[in-house]
């Protein structure tokens, strides 16, 4: 918010895992995190919360994730690269959603530079 064309793009495959990381930081209400997972809700995150999200990811999450690792929505970490496989079996669908160190680092920088943000 506050600057047109200052955007950060996410897809469902990494956003779902990123939301679980944000939820684990215990900054936003459960309801707000849930709304952030729905399409076209227009949820707004104010500047203070955006900056806190960025700082906490940088300080608490990124040190656990080396540049060649990624984190799943359940918080587990792997060094196996995402090979694009779509897991259809209900017991393995969680493997479809992960976020890499580099993606989270970019998201952290976006949060810290933003004046808050809105999710579409």
Protein backbone atom coordinates (compact mmCIF):
# COMPACT_ATOMS: atom_id res chain seq x y z
CA UNK A 1 0.00 0.00 0.00
CA UNK A 2 1.16 3.52 -0.60
CA UNK A 3 3.02 2.79 -3.83
CA UNK A 4 1.56 1.55 -7.06
CA UNK A 5 3.60 -1.05 -8.90
CA UNK A 6 5.34 -2.18 -5.70
CA UNK A 7 4.00 -5.69 -5.79
CA UNK A 8 4.95 -9.18 -4.76
CA UNK A 9 3.58 -12.15 -6.66
CA UNK A 10 2.80 -15.52 -5.16
CA UNK A 11 1.13 -18.65 -6.41
CA UNK A 12 -0.99 -21.09 -4.45
CA UNK A 13 1.89 -23.58 -4.21
CA UNK A 14 4.11 -21.25 -2.19
CA UNK A 15 1.50 -18.91 -0.67
CA UNK A 16 -0.19 -21.72 1.27
CA UNK A 17 3.12 -22.65 2.90
CA UNK A 18 4.06 -19.00 3.44
CA UNK A 19 0.76 -18.38 5.23
CA UNK A 20 1.54 -21.21 7.63
CA UNK A 21 4.89 -19.58 8.34
CA UNK A 22 3.14 -16.24 8.96
CA UNK A 23 0.55 -17.97 11.17
CA UNK A 24 3.33 -19.58 13.25
CA UNK A 25 4.76 -16.11 14.01
CA UNK A 26 1.61 -15.31 16.04
CA UNK A 27 1.38 -11.72 14.80
CA UNK A 28 -1.99 -11.70 13.04
CA UNK A 29 -5.33 -13.01 14.24
CA UNK A 30 -6.47 -16.45 13.12
CA UNK A 31 -9.31 -14.82 11.18
CA UNK A 32 -7.02 -12.48 9.29
CA UNK A 33 -4.65 -15.30 8.36
CA UNK A 34 -7.62 -17.36 7.16
CA UNK A 35 -8.85 -14.45 5.01
CA UNK A 36 -5.35 -14.10 3.55
CA UNK A 37 -5.79 -17.59 2.13
CA UNK A 38 -8.93 -16.75 0.17
CA UNK A 39 -8.86 -15.29 -3.31
CA UNK A 40 -9.99 -11.68 -3.91
CA UNK A 41 -10.69 -10.79 -0.28
CA UNK A 42 -8.56 -7.64 -0.39
CA UNK A 43 -7.20 -8.21 3.11
CA UNK A 44 -4.97 -5.35 4.27
CA UNK A 45 -1.90 -5.75 6.45
CA UNK A 46 -0.79 -2.48 8.02
CA UNK A 47 2.80 -1.26 7.94
CA UNK A 48 3.65 -2.22 11.53
CA UNK A 49 2.43 -5.80 11.04
CA UNK A 50 4.14 -6.07 7.63
CA UNK A 51 7.45 -4.95 9.12
CA UNK A 52 7.06 -7.29 12.09
CA UNK A 53 6.32 -10.21 9.75
CA UNK A 54 9.44 -9.35 7.74
CA UNK A 55 11.66 -9.07 10.83
CA UNK A 56 10.41 -12.28 12.42
CA UNK A 57 10.80 -14.32 9.23
CA UNK A 58 14.31 -12.91 8.80
CA UNK A 59 15.29 -13.59 12.42
CA UNK A 60 13.41 -16.81 13.21
CA UNK A 61 12.71 -18.70 9.98
CA UNK A 62 15.43 -17.91 7.46
CA UNK A 63 18.29 -19.03 9.76
CA UNK A 64 16.74 -22.53 9.71
CA UNK A 65 16.49 -22.50 5.91
CA UNK A 66 19.70 -22.53 3.96
CA UNK A 67 19.51 -21.19 0.40
CA UNK A 68 19.06 -24.70 -1.00
CA UNK A 69 16.20 -25.69 1.30
CA UNK A 70 12.46 -25.18 1.42
CA UNK A 71 9.82 -25.37 4.11
CA UNK A 72 6.46 -27.12 3.83
CA UNK A 73 3.17 -25.85 5.24
CA UNK A 74 3.60 -28.21 8.20
CA UNK A 75 6.92 -26.57 9.12
CA UNK A 76 9.12 -29.44 8.02
CA UNK A 77 12.22 -28.58 6.00
CA UNK A 78 13.77 -30.41 3.08
CA UNK A 79 16.79 -30.01 0.85
CA UNK A 80 15.06 -31.92 -1.96
CA UNK A 81 14.32 -29.59 -4.88
CA UNK A 82 10.75 -29.19 -6.03
CA UNK A 83 10.52 -31.34 -9.15
CA UNK A 84 7.03 -30.15 -10.08
CA UNK A 85 5.29 -33.39 -9.17
CA UNK A 86 1.60 -32.94 -8.31
CA UNK A 87 0.76 -35.23 -5.42
CA UNK A 88 -2.83 -36.37 -5.72
CA UNK A 89 -2.96 -38.98 -2.98
CA UNK A 90 -4.65 -37.40 0.04
CA UNK A 91 -1.84 -38.53 2.35
CA UNK A 92 0.77 -36.78 0.20
CA UNK A 93 -0.99 -33.59 -0.89
CA UNK A 94 0.91 -31.58 1.73
CA UNK A 95 4.02 -32.07 -0.43
CA UNK A 96 2.49 -29.78 -3.07
CA UNK A 97 2.93 -26.68 -0.90
CA UNK A 98 6.36 -25.37 0.03
CA UNK A 99 8.32 -22.16 -0.02
CA UNK A 100 12.03 -21.83 -0.72
CA UNK A 101 14.61 -19.85 1.22
CA UNK A 102 14.98 -17.42 -1.68
CA UNK A 103 11.23 -16.86 -2.02
CA UNK A 104 10.88 -16.22 1.72
CA UNK A 105 13.88 -13.88 1.66
CA UNK A 106 12.29 -11.89 -1.17
CA UNK A 107 8.97 -11.81 0.72
CA UNK A 108 10.78 -10.61 3.85
CA UNK A 109 12.40 -7.77 1.91
CA UNK A 110 9.02 -6.86 0.41
CA UNK A 111 7.42 -6.75 3.88
CA UNK A 112 10.22 -4.62 5.31
CA UNK A 113 10.15 -2.13 2.42
CA UNK A 114 6.36 -1.91 2.23
CA UNK A 115 4.02 0.58 3.83
CA UNK A 116 1.72 -2.34 4.48
CA UNK A 117 0.17 -4.48 1.80
CA UNK A 118 -3.10 -5.77 0.46
CA UNK A 119 -3.72 -9.30 -0.78
CA UNK A 120 -5.80 -9.90 -3.89
